[in-house]
Amino acid sequence: MKSIFDNIKHFNERENWGDTEKLNPLLLLVMDMIAEKINVPVIIHNGYSKKGHSEKSQHYLGNACDFHFDSDVEFLYHYTNLVSILDTTRIGKVKLADIVGLGVYPHWNNKGFHLDVRGYKARWMRDKNNNYVAINTNEL
Protein backbone atom coordinates (compact mmCIF):
# COMPACT_ATOMS: atom_id res chain seq x y z
CA MET A 1 0.00 0.00 0.00
CA LYS A 2 1.38 3.38 -1.02
CA SER A 3 1.88 5.98 1.71
CA ILE A 4 1.98 9.77 1.42
CA PHE A 5 5.45 9.48 2.94
CA ASP A 6 6.58 7.83 -0.33
CA ASN A 7 6.43 11.36 -1.79
CA ILE A 8 8.06 13.12 1.19
CA LYS A 9 11.80 13.74 1.13
CA HIS A 10 12.56 15.32 4.53
CA PHE A 11 10.27 13.46 6.95
CA ASN A 12 9.16 9.94 7.76
CA GLU A 13 6.40 8.19 9.67
CA ARG A 14 8.58 7.60 12.73
CA GLU A 15 8.73 11.28 13.66
CA ASN A 16 6.33 12.85 16.20
CA TRP A 17 3.41 13.13 13.80
CA GLY A 18 0.97 11.22 16.01
CA ASP A 19 -1.45 9.02 14.06
CA THR A 20 -0.12 9.43 10.50
CA GLU A 21 -3.33 7.95 9.07
CA LYS A 22 -5.16 11.03 10.35
CA LEU A 23 -2.72 13.63 8.97
CA ASN A 24 -3.78 15.91 6.16
CA PRO A 25 -1.49 15.06 3.20
CA LEU A 26 -1.34 18.77 2.33
CA LEU A 27 0.30 19.47 5.71
CA LEU A 28 3.02 16.92 4.96
CA LEU A 29 3.62 18.34 1.50
CA VAL A 30 3.81 21.92 2.80
CA MET A 31 6.19 20.96 5.60
CA ASP A 32 8.36 19.02 3.15
CA MET A 33 8.51 22.02 0.83
CA ILE A 34 9.46 24.29 3.76
CA ALA A 35 12.22 21.89 4.82
CA GLU A 36 13.53 21.82 1.26
CA LYS A 37 13.60 25.61 0.93
CA ILE A 38 14.93 26.43 4.39
CA ASN A 39 17.65 23.76 4.05
CA VAL A 40 18.13 22.94 7.74
CA PRO A 41 16.69 20.00 9.67
CA VAL A 42 13.13 20.45 10.89
CA ILE A 43 12.29 18.74 14.17
CA ILE A 44 8.61 17.82 14.53
CA HIS A 45 7.28 18.12 18.10
CA ASN A 46 3.80 16.79 17.32
CA GLY A 47 1.18 16.58 14.62
CA TYR A 48 -2.18 14.88 15.03
CA SER A 49 -3.32 14.88 18.67
CA LYS A 50 -6.49 13.99 20.56
CA LYS A 51 -5.82 16.36 23.49
CA GLY A 52 -3.45 18.90 24.95
CA HIS A 53 -4.11 21.87 22.68
CA SER A 54 -6.60 24.75 22.52
CA GLU A 55 -10.28 23.84 22.24
CA LYS A 56 -10.54 24.22 18.45
CA SER A 57 -7.00 23.11 17.64
CA GLN A 58 -6.14 22.12 14.09
CA HIS A 59 -4.08 19.30 15.65
CA TYR A 60 -7.36 17.47 16.40
CA LEU A 61 -8.17 17.51 12.67
CA GLY A 62 -4.73 16.35 11.51
CA ASN A 63 -4.09 19.74 9.93
CA ALA A 64 -1.26 20.98 12.19
CA CYS A 65 2.22 20.37 13.47
CA ASP A 66 4.55 22.05 15.93
CA PHE A 67 8.24 22.16 15.08
CA HIS A 68 11.56 23.95 15.38
CA PHE A 69 14.58 24.26 13.15
CA ASP A 70 17.69 22.39 14.28
CA SER A 71 20.09 25.25 13.71
CA ASP A 72 22.24 27.73 15.59
CA VAL A 73 20.87 30.52 13.40
CA GLU A 74 18.88 33.25 15.18
CA PHE A 75 15.16 32.50 15.70
CA LEU A 76 14.09 35.74 13.99
CA TYR A 77 16.01 34.72 10.87
CA HIS A 78 14.05 31.46 10.67
CA TYR A 79 10.79 33.31 11.25
CA THR A 80 11.61 35.78 8.45
CA ASN A 81 12.54 32.95 6.07
CA LEU A 82 9.40 31.01 6.94
CA VAL A 83 7.15 34.02 6.28
CA SER A 84 8.97 34.69 3.00
CA ILE A 85 8.47 31.09 1.86
CA LEU A 86 4.76 31.25 2.70
CA ASP A 87 4.40 34.63 0.95
CA THR A 88 6.16 33.58 -2.27
CA THR A 89 4.90 30.01 -2.74
CA ARG A 90 1.70 29.29 -4.62
CA ILE A 91 -0.45 26.22 -4.93
CA GLY A 92 -2.08 26.89 -8.25
CA LYS A 93 -3.34 30.46 -8.02
CA VAL A 94 -3.48 30.50 -4.20
CA LYS A 95 -0.66 32.00 -2.16
CA LEU A 96 0.33 29.55 0.58
CA ALA A 97 0.35 32.36 3.16
CA ASP A 98 -3.39 32.83 2.58
CA ILE A 99 -4.35 29.27 3.57
CA VAL A 100 -2.13 28.48 6.57
CA GLY A 101 -2.09 29.31 10.24
CA LEU A 102 1.31 30.22 11.65
CA GLY A 103 1.96 30.39 15.39
CA VAL A 104 5.21 31.72 16.82
CA TYR A 105 6.47 30.27 20.11
CA PRO A 106 9.69 32.04 21.20
CA HIS A 107 9.42 30.76 24.79
CA TRP A 108 9.44 27.01 24.11
CA ASN A 109 12.59 25.18 25.24
CA ASN A 110 13.43 25.02 21.53
CA LYS A 111 11.99 28.24 20.10
CA GLY A 112 9.56 27.08 17.46
CA PHE A 113 6.46 27.32 15.35
CA HIS A 114 3.02 25.89 14.77
CA LEU A 115 1.88 25.54 11.17
CA ASP A 116 -1.49 24.34 9.97
CA VAL A 117 -3.39 24.06 6.72
CA ARG A 118 -6.68 25.47 7.97
CA GLY A 119 -7.69 27.01 4.64
CA TYR A 120 -7.37 30.67 5.66
CA LYS A 121 -4.66 32.98 6.99
CA ALA A 122 -4.09 33.25 10.74
CA ARG A 123 -1.02 34.55 12.62
CA TRP A 124 -0.36 34.60 16.36
CA MET A 125 2.33 34.47 18.98
CA ARG A 126 2.33 33.04 22.47
CA ASP A 127 4.01 35.50 24.81
CA LYS A 128 6.06 34.81 27.95
CA ASN A 129 2.86 34.93 30.06
CA ASN A 130 1.27 32.19 27.87
CA ASN A 131 -1.17 34.64 26.29
CA TYR A 132 -2.03 34.29 22.61
CA VAL A 133 -1.52 37.53 20.71
CA ALA A 134 -2.61 38.07 17.10
CA ILE A 135 0.25 39.37 14.99
CA ASN A 136 0.83 40.99 11.67
CA THR A 137 3.74 39.28 9.90
CA ASN A 138 5.52 42.64 9.67
CA GLU A 139 5.57 43.13 13.45
CA LEU A 140 8.32 40.70 14.46
C-alpha atoms as a PDB file:
ATOM      1  CA  MET A   1       0.000   0.000   0.000  1.00  0.00           C
ATOM      2  CA  LYS A   2       1.380   3.379  -1.024  1.00  0.00           C
ATOM      3  CA  SER A   3       1.881   5.983   1.707  1.00  0.00           C
ATOM      4  CA  ILE A   4       1.978   9.773   1.422  1.00  0.00           C
ATOM      5  CA  PHE A   5       5.453   9.476   2.936  1.00  0.00           C
ATOM      6  CA  ASP A   6       6.585   7.834  -0.326  1.00  0.00           C
ATOM      7  CA  ASN A   7       6.431  11.365  -1.788  1.00  0.00           C
ATOM      8  CA  ILE A   8       8.057  13.118   1.191  1.00  0.00           C
ATOM      9  CA  LYS A   9      11.799  13.744   1.130  1.00  0.00           C
ATOM     10  CA  HIS A  10      12.555  15.324   4.533  1.00  0.00           C
ATOM     11  CA  PHE A  11      10.266  13.461   6.952  1.00  0.00           C
ATOM     12  CA  ASN A  12       9.164   9.944   7.755  1.00  0.00           C
ATOM     13  CA  GLU A  13       6.397   8.191   9.669  1.00  0.00           C
ATOM     14  CA  ARG A  14       8.581   7.599  12.732  1.00  0.00           C
ATOM     15  CA  GLU A  15       8.725  11.279  13.665  1.00  0.00           C
ATOM     16  CA  ASN A  16       6.334  12.846  16.199  1.00  0.00           C
ATOM     17  CA  TRP A  17       3.409  13.127  13.803  1.00  0.00           C
ATOM     18  CA  GLY A  18       0.970  11.216  16.007  1.00  0.00           C
ATOM     19  CA  ASP A  19      -1.452   9.021  14.056  1.00  0.00           C
ATOM     20  CA  THR A  20      -0.121   9.427  10.504  1.00  0.00           C
ATOM     21  CA  GLU A  21      -3.326   7.946   9.071  1.00  0.00           C
ATOM     22  CA  LYS A  22      -5.157  11.033  10.347  1.00  0.00           C
ATOM     23  CA  LEU A  23      -2.723  13.630   8.968  1.00  0.00           C
ATOM     24  CA  ASN A  24      -3.778  15.909   6.163  1.00  0.00           C
ATOM     25  CA  PRO A  25      -1.486  15.063   3.203  1.00  0.00           C
ATOM     26  CA  LEU A  26      -1.341  18.774   2.330  1.00  0.00           C
ATOM     27  CA  LEU A  27       0.296  19.466   5.714  1.00  0.00           C
ATOM     28  CA  LEU A  28       3.019  16.922   4.963  1.00  0.00           C
ATOM     29  CA  LEU A  29       3.619  18.338   1.504  1.00  0.00           C
ATOM     30  CA  VAL A  30       3.807  21.921   2.804  1.00  0.00           C
ATOM     31  CA  MET A  31       6.194  20.962   5.603  1.00  0.00           C
ATOM     32  CA  ASP A  32       8.365  19.019   3.154  1.00  0.00           C
ATOM     33  CA  MET A  33       8.513  22.024   0.835  1.00  0.00           C
ATOM     34  CA  ILE A  34       9.461  24.293   3.765  1.00  0.00           C
ATOM     35  CA  ALA A  35      12.221  21.891   4.820  1.00  0.00           C
ATOM     36  CA  GLU A  36      13.530  21.819   1.258  1.00  0.00           C
ATOM     37  CA  LYS A  37      13.603  25.605   0.931  1.00  0.00           C
ATOM     38  CA  ILE A  38      14.934  26.431   4.394  1.00  0.00           C
ATOM     39  CA  ASN A  39      17.652  23.763   4.046  1.00  0.00           C
ATOM     40  CA  VAL A  40      18.130  22.945   7.744  1.00  0.00           C
ATOM     41  CA  PRO A  41      16.694  19.996   9.673  1.00  0.00           C
ATOM     42  CA  VAL A  42      13.127  20.454  10.892  1.00  0.00           C
ATOM     43  CA  ILE A  43      12.285  18.744  14.175  1.00  0.00           C
ATOM     44  CA  ILE A  44       8.611  17.822  14.527  1.00  0.00           C
ATOM     45  CA  HIS A  45       7.279  18.115  18.104  1.00  0.00           C
ATOM     46  CA  ASN A  46       3.801  16.789  17.317  1.00  0.00           C
ATOM     47  CA  GLY A  47       1.182  16.579  14.616  1.00  0.00           C
ATOM     48  CA  TYR A  48      -2.176  14.880  15.026  1.00  0.00           C
ATOM     49  CA  SER A  49      -3.315  14.876  18.666  1.00  0.00           C
ATOM     50  CA  LYS A  50      -6.486  13.995  20.558  1.00  0.00           C
ATOM     51  CA  LYS A  51      -5.822  16.363  23.491  1.00  0.00           C
ATOM     52  CA  GLY A  52      -3.446  18.903  24.948  1.00  0.00           C
ATOM     53  CA  HIS A  53      -4.109  21.875  22.679  1.00  0.00           C
ATOM     54  CA  SER A  54      -6.596  24.747  22.517  1.00  0.00           C
ATOM     55  CA  GLU A  55     -10.281  23.844  22.238  1.00  0.00           C
ATOM     56  CA  LYS A  56     -10.539  24.221  18.446  1.00  0.00           C
ATOM     57  CA  SER A  57      -7.003  23.109  17.635  1.00  0.00           C
ATOM     58  CA  GLN A  58      -6.138  22.121  14.090  1.00  0.00           C
ATOM     59  CA  HIS A  59      -4.077  19.295  15.650  1.00  0.00           C
ATOM     60  CA  TYR A  60      -7.358  17.472  16.397  1.00  0.00           C
ATOM     61  CA  LEU A  61      -8.174  17.515  12.669  1.00  0.00           C
ATOM     62  CA  GLY A  62      -4.732  16.347  11.509  1.00  0.00           C
ATOM     63  CA  ASN A  63      -4.091  19.737   9.933  1.00  0.00           C
ATOM     64  CA  ALA A  64      -1.264  20.984  12.188  1.00  0.00           C
ATOM     65  CA  CYS A  65       2.219  20.367  13.469  1.00  0.00           C
ATOM     66  CA  ASP A  66       4.549  22.046  15.933  1.00  0.00           C
ATOM     67  CA  PHE A  67       8.239  22.161  15.082  1.00  0.00           C
ATOM     68  CA  HIS A  68      11.559  23.945  15.377  1.00  0.00           C
ATOM     69  CA  PHE A  69      14.583  24.264  13.147  1.00  0.00           C
ATOM     70  CA  ASP A  70      17.693  22.386  14.282  1.00  0.00           C
ATOM     71  CA  SER A  71      20.088  25.248  13.707  1.00  0.00           C
ATOM     72  CA  ASP A  72      22.236  27.731  15.587  1.00  0.00           C
ATOM     73  CA  VAL A  73      20.867  30.518  13.404  1.00  0.00           C
ATOM     74  CA  GLU A  74      18.881  33.252  15.177  1.00  0.00           C
ATOM     75  CA  PHE A  75      15.164  32.496  15.695  1.00  0.00           C
ATOM     76  CA  LEU A  76      14.094  35.740  13.990  1.00  0.00           C
ATOM     77  CA  TYR A  77      16.014  34.716  10.873  1.00  0.00           C
ATOM     78  CA  HIS A  78      14.046  31.458  10.667  1.00  0.00           C
ATOM     79  CA  TYR A  79      10.788  33.312  11.248  1.00  0.00           C
ATOM     80  CA  THR A  80      11.607  35.776   8.446  1.00  0.00           C
ATOM     81  CA  ASN A  81      12.539  32.947   6.066  1.00  0.00           C
ATOM     82  CA  LEU A  82       9.396  31.006   6.938  1.00  0.00           C
ATOM     83  CA  VAL A  83       7.152  34.016   6.277  1.00  0.00           C
ATOM     84  CA  SER A  84       8.975  34.690   3.000  1.00  0.00           C
ATOM     85  CA  ILE A  85       8.468  31.091   1.863  1.00  0.00           C
ATOM     86  CA  LEU A  86       4.763  31.253   2.700  1.00  0.00           C
ATOM     87  CA  ASP A  87       4.397  34.627   0.947  1.00  0.00           C
ATOM     88  CA  THR A  88       6.157  33.577  -2.266  1.00  0.00           C
ATOM     89  CA  THR A  89       4.899  30.014  -2.737  1.00  0.00           C
ATOM     90  CA  ARG A  90       1.705  29.291  -4.619  1.00  0.00           C
ATOM     91  CA  ILE A  91      -0.445  26.216  -4.930  1.00  0.00           C
ATOM     92  CA  GLY A  92      -2.085  26.887  -8.253  1.00  0.00           C
ATOM     93  CA  LYS A  93      -3.343  30.457  -8.015  1.00  0.00           C
ATOM     94  CA  VAL A  94      -3.477  30.500  -4.205  1.00  0.00           C
ATOM     95  CA  LYS A  95      -0.656  31.998  -2.162  1.00  0.00           C
ATOM     96  CA  LEU A  96       0.334  29.547   0.577  1.00  0.00           C
ATOM     97  CA  ALA A  97       0.347  32.356   3.159  1.00  0.00           C
ATOM     98  CA  ASP A  98      -3.390  32.832   2.578  1.00  0.00           C
ATOM     99  CA  ILE A  99      -4.355  29.272   3.567  1.00  0.00           C
ATOM    100  CA  VAL A 100      -2.128  28.482   6.567  1.00  0.00           C
ATOM    101  CA  GLY A 101      -2.092  29.313  10.237  1.00  0.00           C
ATOM    102  CA  LEU A 102       1.312  30.221  11.655  1.00  0.00           C
ATOM    103  CA  GLY A 103       1.963  30.392  15.385  1.00  0.00           C
ATOM    104  CA  VAL A 104       5.211  31.716  16.820  1.00  0.00           C
ATOM    105  CA  TYR A 105       6.470  30.266  20.115  1.00  0.00           C
ATOM    106  CA  PRO A 106       9.686  32.042  21.200  1.00  0.00           C
ATOM    107  CA  HIS A 107       9.416  30.759  24.789  1.00  0.00           C
ATOM    108  CA  TRP A 108       9.439  27.008  24.114  1.00  0.00           C
ATOM    109  CA  ASN A 109      12.585  25.175  25.241  1.00  0.00           C
ATOM    110  CA  ASN A 110      13.427  25.023  21.532  1.00  0.00           C
ATOM    111  CA  LYS A 111      11.991  28.240  20.097  1.00  0.00           C
ATOM    112  CA  GLY A 112       9.561  27.077  17.460  1.00  0.00           C
ATOM    113  CA  PHE A 113       6.464  27.318  15.348  1.00  0.00           C
ATOM    114  CA  HIS A 114       3.016  25.894  14.770  1.00  0.00           C
ATOM    115  CA  LEU A 115       1.882  25.542  11.167  1.00  0.00           C
ATOM    116  CA  ASP A 116      -1.490  24.341   9.973  1.00  0.00           C
ATOM    117  CA  VAL A 117      -3.387  24.055   6.719  1.00  0.00           C
ATOM    118  CA  ARG A 118      -6.683  25.472   7.973  1.00  0.00           C
ATOM    119  CA  GLY A 119      -7.694  27.008   4.642  1.00  0.00           C
ATOM    120  CA  TYR A 120      -7.370  30.674   5.661  1.00  0.00           C
ATOM    121  CA  LYS A 121      -4.661  32.981   6.987  1.00  0.00           C
ATOM    122  CA  ALA A 122      -4.090  33.247  10.742  1.00  0.00           C
ATOM    123  CA  ARG A 123      -1.024  34.555  12.623  1.00  0.00           C
ATOM    124  CA  TRP A 124      -0.360  34.598  16.357  1.00  0.00           C
ATOM    125  CA  MET A 125       2.327  34.474  18.982  1.00  0.00           C
ATOM    126  CA  ARG A 126       2.330  33.037  22.466  1.00  0.00           C
ATOM    127  CA  ASP A 127       4.009  35.497  24.813  1.00  0.00           C
ATOM    128  CA  LYS A 128       6.055  34.808  27.947  1.00  0.00           C
ATOM    129  CA  ASN A 129       2.860  34.927  30.056  1.00  0.00           C
ATOM    130  CA  ASN A 130       1.268  32.190  27.872  1.00  0.00           C
ATOM    131  CA  ASN A 131      -1.170  34.642  26.288  1.00  0.00           C
ATOM    132  CA  TYR A 132      -2.032  34.294  22.613  1.00  0.00           C
ATOM    133  CA  VAL A 133      -1.517  37.530  20.708  1.00  0.00           C
ATOM    134  CA  ALA A 134      -2.609  38.072  17.103  1.00  0.00           C
ATOM    135  CA  ILE A 135       0.253  39.368  14.994  1.00  0.00           C
ATOM    136  CA  ASN A 136       0.834  40.989  11.670  1.00  0.00           C
ATOM    137  CA  THR A 137       3.739  39.278   9.897  1.00  0.00           C
ATOM    138  CA  ASN A 138       5.523  42.641   9.672  1.00  0.00           C
ATOM    139  CA  GLU A 139       5.569  43.132  13.455  1.00  0.00           C
ATOM    140  CA  LEU A 140       8.319  40.697  14.458  1.00  0.00           C
END
